[in-house]
């Protein structure tokens, strides 16, 4: 019995040895993520598209010209430019701690202190399956 336990321990350590949690998070993040509440109330997908190689784009947010993203120490860092109040481009950078990331949900916190500010995004592949826009419901009435 002791030998079986040692073998199981060795096999599991071999398989976990090559794992890189940072890389696994980056792989999960590749794709388009949209705010489900915006979609529910307006029927419009708004969010981010994260591409391989750290490239990033805003989805239906014309004021944002996003360029890059990275994950560092569990935080999602997005950089680019945004249209300022005068219409001129200003640097844009957001650093948000990742609370949850799986195949269909991304939850981040952008401010820890009171009031705590969190955002939730859903993978665009599933958002239309799970959320019915209020706009559509109003049209049906």
N, C-alpha and C. Protein backbone atom coordinates (compact mmCIF):
# COMPACT_ATOMS: atom_id res chain seq x y z
N UNK A 1 0.83 -1.19 0.00
CA UNK A 1 0.00 0.00 0.00
C UNK A 1 0.87 1.25 0.00
N UNK A 2 1.95 1.18 0.79
CA UNK A 2 2.87 2.32 0.86
C UNK A 2 3.51 2.58 -0.51
N UNK A 3 3.86 1.50 -1.22
CA UNK A 3 4.47 1.64 -2.55
C UNK A 3 3.50 2.27 -3.55
N UNK A 4 2.22 1.91 -3.46
CA UNK A 4 1.21 2.49 -4.36
C UNK A 4 1.12 3.99 -4.12
N UNK A 5 1.12 4.39 -2.86
CA UNK A 5 1.05 5.81 -2.52
C UNK A 5 2.26 6.56 -3.07
N UNK A 6 3.45 5.99 -2.93
CA UNK A 6 4.67 6.61 -3.44
C UNK A 6 4.61 6.74 -4.96
N UNK A 7 4.13 5.71 -5.65
CA UNK A 7 4.02 5.75 -7.11
C UNK A 7 3.04 6.85 -7.53
N UNK A 8 1.89 6.92 -6.87
CA UNK A 8 0.90 7.96 -7.19
C UNK A 8 1.49 9.34 -6.96
N UNK A 9 2.20 9.52 -5.88
CA UNK A 9 2.83 10.80 -5.57
C UNK A 9 3.86 11.17 -6.63
N UNK A 10 4.68 10.22 -7.05
CA UNK A 10 5.68 10.47 -8.08
C UNK A 10 5.05 10.82 -9.42
N UNK A 11 4.03 10.07 -9.82
CA UNK A 11 3.36 10.33 -11.10
C UNK A 11 2.71 11.70 -11.10
N UNK A 12 2.03 12.05 -10.01
CA UNK A 12 1.37 13.36 -9.97
C UNK A 12 2.38 14.50 -9.96
N UNK A 13 3.52 14.30 -9.32
CA UNK A 13 4.53 15.36 -9.32
C UNK A 13 5.18 15.52 -10.69
N UNK A 14 5.32 14.43 -11.43
CA UNK A 14 5.88 14.50 -12.78
C UNK A 14 4.94 15.30 -13.69
N UNK A 15 3.63 15.02 -13.60
CA UNK A 15 2.66 15.72 -14.46
C UNK A 15 2.51 17.18 -14.07
N UNK A 16 2.64 17.50 -12.79
CA UNK A 16 2.48 18.90 -12.38
C UNK A 16 3.78 19.69 -12.50
N UNK A 17 4.90 19.01 -12.71
CA UNK A 17 6.19 19.68 -12.78
C UNK A 17 6.25 20.69 -13.92
N UNK A 18 5.75 20.34 -15.08
CA UNK A 18 5.84 21.22 -16.24
C UNK A 18 4.74 22.27 -16.31
N UNK A 19 3.83 22.29 -15.35
CA UNK A 19 2.71 23.23 -15.39
C UNK A 19 3.17 24.63 -15.01
N UNK A 20 2.65 25.59 -15.73
CA UNK A 20 2.93 26.99 -15.46
C UNK A 20 1.58 27.68 -15.31
N UNK A 21 1.15 27.98 -14.07
CA UNK A 21 -0.17 28.58 -13.84
C UNK A 21 -0.37 29.88 -14.62
N UNK A 22 0.67 30.66 -14.76
CA UNK A 22 0.59 31.91 -15.51
C UNK A 22 0.22 31.64 -16.97
N UNK A 23 0.90 30.69 -17.59
CA UNK A 23 0.63 30.34 -18.99
C UNK A 23 -0.77 29.75 -19.15
N UNK A 24 -1.20 28.97 -18.17
CA UNK A 24 -2.54 28.39 -18.23
C UNK A 24 -3.60 29.48 -18.18
N UNK A 25 -3.40 30.49 -17.34
CA UNK A 25 -4.34 31.62 -17.27
C UNK A 25 -4.35 32.38 -18.60
N UNK A 26 -3.18 32.58 -19.17
CA UNK A 26 -3.09 33.30 -20.44
C UNK A 26 -3.84 32.55 -21.54
N UNK A 27 -3.71 31.22 -21.57
CA UNK A 27 -4.42 30.43 -22.58
C UNK A 27 -5.93 30.54 -22.41
N UNK A 28 -6.40 30.51 -21.16
CA UNK A 28 -7.83 30.62 -20.89
C UNK A 28 -8.38 31.98 -21.29
N UNK A 29 -7.55 33.00 -21.21
CA UNK A 29 -8.00 34.37 -21.48
C UNK A 29 -8.14 34.67 -22.97
N UNK A 30 -7.45 33.92 -23.81
CA UNK A 30 -7.51 34.17 -25.26
C UNK A 30 -8.97 34.05 -25.72
N UNK A 31 -9.45 35.10 -26.37
CA UNK A 31 -10.83 35.10 -26.86
C UNK A 31 -11.49 36.43 -26.58
N UNK A 32 -12.80 36.47 -26.80
CA UNK A 32 -13.57 37.69 -26.60
C UNK A 32 -14.42 37.57 -25.34
N UNK A 33 -14.33 38.59 -24.49
CA UNK A 33 -15.03 38.64 -23.22
C UNK A 33 -15.90 39.89 -23.19
N UNK A 34 -17.18 39.71 -22.86
CA UNK A 34 -18.11 40.83 -22.88
C UNK A 34 -18.88 40.92 -21.57
N UNK A 35 -19.34 42.13 -21.26
CA UNK A 35 -20.09 42.38 -20.04
C UNK A 35 -21.52 41.87 -20.21
N UNK A 36 -21.95 40.90 -19.39
CA UNK A 36 -23.29 40.33 -19.56
C UNK A 36 -24.40 41.32 -19.25
N UNK A 37 -24.16 42.27 -18.34
CA UNK A 37 -25.19 43.23 -17.97
C UNK A 37 -25.45 44.22 -19.11
N UNK A 38 -24.39 44.65 -19.77
CA UNK A 38 -24.56 45.53 -20.93
C UNK A 38 -25.34 44.80 -22.01
N UNK A 39 -25.00 43.54 -22.24
CA UNK A 39 -25.69 42.75 -23.25
C UNK A 39 -27.17 42.56 -22.88
N UNK A 40 -27.41 42.28 -21.60
CA UNK A 40 -28.78 42.04 -21.15
C UNK A 40 -29.67 43.27 -21.36
N UNK A 41 -29.13 44.45 -21.06
CA UNK A 41 -29.96 45.66 -21.12
C UNK A 41 -29.94 46.38 -22.46
N UNK A 42 -28.93 46.15 -23.28
CA UNK A 42 -28.88 46.87 -24.56
C UNK A 42 -28.86 45.94 -25.77
N UNK A 43 -28.55 44.67 -25.54
CA UNK A 43 -28.42 43.73 -26.65
C UNK A 43 -27.11 43.89 -27.41
N UNK A 44 -26.21 44.72 -26.87
CA UNK A 44 -24.94 45.00 -27.54
C UNK A 44 -23.79 44.35 -26.77
N UNK A 45 -22.91 43.69 -27.51
CA UNK A 45 -21.72 43.09 -26.90
C UNK A 45 -20.65 44.15 -26.76
N UNK A 46 -20.18 44.37 -25.53
CA UNK A 46 -19.09 45.31 -25.27
C UNK A 46 -18.09 44.63 -24.34
N UNK A 47 -16.82 44.76 -24.67
CA UNK A 47 -15.81 44.14 -23.84
C UNK A 47 -14.45 44.18 -24.49
N UNK A 48 -13.74 43.04 -24.42
CA UNK A 48 -12.36 42.95 -24.88
C UNK A 48 -12.14 41.69 -25.69
N UNK A 49 -11.22 41.76 -26.64
CA UNK A 49 -10.72 40.58 -27.33
C UNK A 49 -9.24 40.48 -27.01
N UNK A 50 -8.86 39.37 -26.36
CA UNK A 50 -7.47 39.13 -26.02
C UNK A 50 -6.91 38.12 -27.01
N UNK A 51 -5.83 38.49 -27.67
CA UNK A 51 -5.23 37.65 -28.71
C UNK A 51 -3.89 37.11 -28.24
N UNK A 52 -3.43 36.06 -28.93
CA UNK A 52 -2.11 35.50 -28.65
C UNK A 52 -1.06 36.58 -28.88
N UNK A 53 0.03 36.47 -28.15
CA UNK A 53 1.12 37.43 -28.31
C UNK A 53 0.89 38.73 -27.56
N UNK A 54 -0.15 38.78 -26.71
CA UNK A 54 -0.38 39.96 -25.88
C UNK A 54 -1.07 41.11 -26.58
N UNK A 55 -1.70 40.85 -27.73
CA UNK A 55 -2.44 41.92 -28.41
C UNK A 55 -3.88 41.95 -27.90
N UNK A 56 -4.45 43.16 -27.90
CA UNK A 56 -5.78 43.34 -27.33
C UNK A 56 -6.57 44.36 -28.13
N UNK A 57 -7.88 44.17 -28.19
CA UNK A 57 -8.77 45.13 -28.85
C UNK A 57 -10.02 45.31 -28.01
N UNK A 58 -10.60 46.51 -28.08
CA UNK A 58 -11.89 46.76 -27.44
C UNK A 58 -12.99 46.29 -28.39
N UNK A 59 -14.07 45.80 -27.83
CA UNK A 59 -15.22 45.36 -28.61
C UNK A 59 -16.34 46.37 -28.42
N UNK A 60 -16.69 47.09 -29.48
CA UNK A 60 -17.78 48.07 -29.47
C UNK A 60 -17.61 49.16 -28.42
N UNK A 61 -16.37 49.55 -28.16
CA UNK A 61 -16.08 50.69 -27.28
C UNK A 61 -15.18 51.61 -28.08
N UNK A 62 -15.77 52.50 -28.89
CA UNK A 62 -14.97 53.32 -29.81
C UNK A 62 -14.00 54.27 -29.13
N UNK A 63 -14.22 54.59 -27.86
CA UNK A 63 -13.31 55.50 -27.17
C UNK A 63 -12.00 54.83 -26.77
N UNK A 64 -11.93 53.49 -26.86
CA UNK A 64 -10.72 52.76 -26.48
C UNK A 64 -10.00 52.22 -27.71
N UNK A 65 -8.70 52.47 -27.75
CA UNK A 65 -7.81 51.91 -28.77
C UNK A 65 -6.77 51.08 -28.03
N UNK A 66 -7.14 49.83 -27.73
CA UNK A 66 -6.29 48.98 -26.90
C UNK A 66 -5.20 48.33 -27.73
N UNK A 67 -4.04 48.14 -27.10
CA UNK A 67 -2.87 47.61 -27.81
C UNK A 67 -2.37 46.30 -27.23
N UNK A 68 -2.32 46.20 -25.89
CA UNK A 68 -1.66 45.02 -25.32
C UNK A 68 -2.31 44.60 -24.00
N UNK A 69 -2.02 43.34 -23.65
CA UNK A 69 -2.44 42.81 -22.37
C UNK A 69 -1.38 41.84 -21.87
N UNK A 70 -1.37 41.65 -20.56
CA UNK A 70 -0.50 40.65 -19.95
C UNK A 70 -1.06 40.29 -18.59
N UNK A 71 -0.66 39.14 -18.09
CA UNK A 71 -1.00 38.75 -16.73
C UNK A 71 0.29 38.74 -15.95
N UNK A 72 0.29 39.46 -14.84
CA UNK A 72 1.48 39.54 -14.01
C UNK A 72 1.06 39.45 -12.54
N UNK A 73 1.59 38.47 -11.84
CA UNK A 73 1.28 38.26 -10.43
C UNK A 73 -0.22 38.20 -10.17
N UNK A 74 -0.96 37.52 -11.05
CA UNK A 74 -2.40 37.36 -10.87
C UNK A 74 -3.23 38.57 -11.26
N UNK A 75 -2.59 39.57 -11.86
CA UNK A 75 -3.31 40.77 -12.28
C UNK A 75 -3.34 40.86 -13.80
N UNK A 76 -4.47 41.29 -14.32
CA UNK A 76 -4.64 41.52 -15.75
C UNK A 76 -4.31 42.98 -16.03
N UNK A 77 -3.33 43.20 -16.89
CA UNK A 77 -2.89 44.56 -17.23
C UNK A 77 -3.23 44.80 -18.69
N UNK A 78 -4.01 45.84 -18.94
CA UNK A 78 -4.42 46.20 -20.30
C UNK A 78 -3.92 47.61 -20.58
N UNK A 79 -3.26 47.77 -21.74
CA UNK A 79 -2.70 49.07 -22.10
C UNK A 79 -3.17 49.49 -23.49
N UNK A 80 -3.22 50.79 -23.68
CA UNK A 80 -3.60 51.33 -24.98
C UNK A 80 -3.83 52.82 -24.85
N UNK A 81 -4.82 53.29 -25.59
CA UNK A 81 -5.17 54.71 -25.58
C UNK A 81 -6.68 54.86 -25.49
N UNK A 82 -7.10 55.99 -24.94
CA UNK A 82 -8.52 56.29 -24.90
C UNK A 82 -8.73 57.74 -25.32
N UNK A 83 -9.90 58.02 -25.85
CA UNK A 83 -10.23 59.38 -26.24
C UNK A 83 -10.56 60.17 -24.98
N UNK A 84 -9.81 61.23 -24.74
CA UNK A 84 -10.05 62.07 -23.58
C UNK A 84 -11.25 62.98 -23.80
N UNK A 85 -11.55 63.80 -22.81
CA UNK A 85 -12.70 64.71 -22.92
C UNK A 85 -12.53 65.71 -24.06
N UNK A 86 -11.30 66.06 -24.37
CA UNK A 86 -11.05 67.01 -25.47
C UNK A 86 -10.99 66.31 -26.82
N UNK A 87 -11.07 64.99 -26.82
CA UNK A 87 -11.00 64.23 -28.06
C UNK A 87 -9.59 63.75 -28.38
N UNK A 88 -8.61 64.25 -27.64
CA UNK A 88 -7.23 63.81 -27.87
C UNK A 88 -7.00 62.45 -27.20
N UNK A 89 -6.10 61.68 -27.79
CA UNK A 89 -5.77 60.38 -27.22
C UNK A 89 -4.94 60.55 -25.96
N UNK A 90 -5.32 59.79 -24.93
CA UNK A 90 -4.58 59.75 -23.68
C UNK A 90 -4.18 58.30 -23.43
N UNK A 91 -3.09 58.12 -22.71
CA UNK A 91 -2.68 56.75 -22.36
C UNK A 91 -3.73 56.11 -21.48
N UNK A 92 -3.93 54.83 -21.71
CA UNK A 92 -4.89 54.05 -20.94
C UNK A 92 -4.18 52.83 -20.39
N UNK A 93 -4.32 52.61 -19.10
CA UNK A 93 -3.76 51.40 -18.48
C UNK A 93 -4.65 51.02 -17.32
N UNK A 94 -5.02 49.78 -17.28
CA UNK A 94 -5.80 49.29 -16.16
C UNK A 94 -5.13 48.03 -15.62
N UNK A 95 -5.10 47.95 -14.31
CA UNK A 95 -4.53 46.77 -13.64
C UNK A 95 -5.64 46.24 -12.74
N UNK A 96 -6.09 45.04 -13.04
CA UNK A 96 -7.19 44.44 -12.30
C UNK A 96 -6.80 43.04 -11.84
N UNK A 97 -7.04 42.77 -10.57
CA UNK A 97 -6.72 41.45 -10.02
C UNK A 97 -7.78 40.44 -10.47
N UNK A 98 -7.32 39.31 -10.96
CA UNK A 98 -8.23 38.27 -11.44
C UNK A 98 -8.75 37.48 -10.25
N UNK A 99 -10.07 37.51 -10.08
CA UNK A 99 -10.71 36.74 -9.01
C UNK A 99 -11.11 35.36 -9.49
N UNK A 100 -11.60 35.30 -10.73
CA UNK A 100 -12.07 34.03 -11.29
C UNK A 100 -11.84 34.03 -12.79
N UNK A 101 -11.32 32.94 -13.29
CA UNK A 101 -11.14 32.77 -14.72
C UNK A 101 -11.34 31.30 -15.06
N UNK A 102 -12.39 31.03 -15.83
CA UNK A 102 -12.59 29.68 -16.35
C UNK A 102 -13.03 29.81 -17.81
N UNK A 103 -13.56 28.76 -18.38
CA UNK A 103 -13.88 28.78 -19.81
C UNK A 103 -14.93 29.82 -20.19
N UNK A 104 -15.82 30.16 -19.26
CA UNK A 104 -16.90 31.08 -19.63
C UNK A 104 -17.02 32.33 -18.77
N UNK A 105 -16.25 32.45 -17.69
CA UNK A 105 -16.39 33.60 -16.80
C UNK A 105 -15.04 34.21 -16.45
N UNK A 106 -14.99 35.52 -16.51
CA UNK A 106 -13.83 36.29 -16.06
C UNK A 106 -14.35 37.32 -15.07
N UNK A 107 -13.87 37.25 -13.84
CA UNK A 107 -14.27 38.22 -12.81
C UNK A 107 -13.00 38.88 -12.29
N UNK A 108 -12.99 40.21 -12.32
CA UNK A 108 -11.82 40.97 -11.88
C UNK A 108 -12.24 42.03 -10.87
N UNK A 109 -11.28 42.45 -10.04
CA UNK A 109 -11.52 43.54 -9.10
C UNK A 109 -10.54 44.65 -9.45
N UNK A 110 -11.07 45.84 -9.64
CA UNK A 110 -10.21 46.96 -10.00
C UNK A 110 -9.91 47.86 -8.81
N UNK A 111 -10.69 47.73 -7.76
CA UNK A 111 -10.45 48.54 -6.56
C UNK A 111 -10.77 47.69 -5.35
N UNK A 112 -9.79 47.50 -4.49
CA UNK A 112 -9.97 46.65 -3.31
C UNK A 112 -10.63 47.39 -2.15
N UNK A 113 -10.30 48.68 -2.02
CA UNK A 113 -10.80 49.42 -0.86
C UNK A 113 -12.27 49.77 -1.04
N UNK A 114 -12.85 50.27 0.01
CA UNK A 114 -14.27 50.61 0.00
C UNK A 114 -14.54 51.87 -0.82
N UNK A 115 -15.48 51.88 -1.72
CA UNK A 115 -16.27 50.72 -2.15
C UNK A 115 -15.48 49.83 -3.10
N UNK A 116 -15.62 48.55 -2.90
CA UNK A 116 -14.93 47.58 -3.75
C UNK A 116 -15.58 47.57 -5.13
N UNK A 117 -14.77 47.60 -6.17
CA UNK A 117 -15.29 47.64 -7.54
C UNK A 117 -14.85 46.37 -8.26
N UNK A 118 -15.84 45.58 -8.69
CA UNK A 118 -15.55 44.36 -9.44
C UNK A 118 -16.30 44.38 -10.77
N UNK A 119 -15.78 43.65 -11.73
CA UNK A 119 -16.41 43.53 -13.04
C UNK A 119 -16.49 42.06 -13.41
N UNK A 120 -17.56 41.71 -14.10
CA UNK A 120 -17.70 40.35 -14.58
C UNK A 120 -17.85 40.39 -16.10
N UNK A 121 -17.20 39.45 -16.75
CA UNK A 121 -17.31 39.30 -18.20
C UNK A 121 -17.61 37.84 -18.49
N UNK A 122 -18.30 37.62 -19.58
CA UNK A 122 -18.56 36.26 -20.03
C UNK A 122 -17.95 36.07 -21.40
N UNK A 123 -17.52 34.85 -21.66
CA UNK A 123 -16.97 34.54 -22.97
C UNK A 123 -18.06 34.76 -24.02
N UNK A 124 -17.73 35.46 -25.07
CA UNK A 124 -18.72 35.80 -26.10
C UNK A 124 -19.33 34.56 -26.75
N UNK A 125 -18.64 33.43 -26.67
CA UNK A 125 -19.16 32.19 -27.26
C UNK A 125 -20.41 31.69 -26.52
N UNK A 126 -20.54 32.02 -25.23
CA UNK A 126 -21.66 31.51 -24.44
C UNK A 126 -22.65 32.58 -24.00
N UNK A 127 -22.29 33.83 -24.11
CA UNK A 127 -23.15 34.88 -23.55
C UNK A 127 -24.53 34.90 -24.20
N UNK A 128 -24.61 34.68 -25.49
CA UNK A 128 -25.90 34.71 -26.18
C UNK A 128 -26.76 33.49 -25.84
N UNK A 129 -26.11 32.41 -25.42
CA UNK A 129 -26.84 31.21 -25.01
C UNK A 129 -27.46 31.39 -23.63
N UNK A 130 -26.82 32.19 -22.79
CA UNK A 130 -27.23 32.27 -21.39
C UNK A 130 -27.97 33.55 -21.01
N UNK A 131 -27.80 34.59 -21.79
CA UNK A 131 -28.41 35.88 -21.45
C UNK A 131 -29.40 36.26 -22.56
N UNK A 132 -30.60 36.65 -22.15
CA UNK A 132 -31.59 37.15 -23.10
C UNK A 132 -31.66 38.66 -22.93
N UNK A 133 -31.38 39.39 -23.97
CA UNK A 133 -31.41 40.85 -23.85
C UNK A 133 -32.80 41.37 -23.51
N UNK A 134 -32.87 42.35 -22.59
CA UNK A 134 -34.13 42.99 -22.23
C UNK A 134 -34.74 43.67 -23.45
N UNK A 135 -33.91 44.16 -24.35
CA UNK A 135 -34.38 44.82 -25.55
C UNK A 135 -35.28 43.87 -26.34
N UNK A 136 -34.84 42.63 -26.44
CA UNK A 136 -35.61 41.61 -27.16
C UNK A 136 -36.93 41.34 -26.44
N UNK A 137 -36.91 41.28 -25.11
CA UNK A 137 -38.13 41.03 -24.33
C UNK A 137 -39.13 42.17 -24.52
N UNK A 138 -38.65 43.41 -24.54
CA UNK A 138 -39.54 44.56 -24.71
C UNK A 138 -40.18 44.54 -26.09
N UNK A 139 -39.44 44.12 -27.11
CA UNK A 139 -39.99 44.05 -28.47
C UNK A 139 -41.08 42.99 -28.56
N UNK A 140 -40.94 41.91 -27.79
CA UNK A 140 -41.90 40.82 -27.85
C UNK A 140 -43.21 41.17 -27.18
N UNK A 141 -43.23 42.13 -26.27
CA UNK A 141 -44.46 42.49 -25.53
C UNK A 141 -45.45 43.22 -26.37
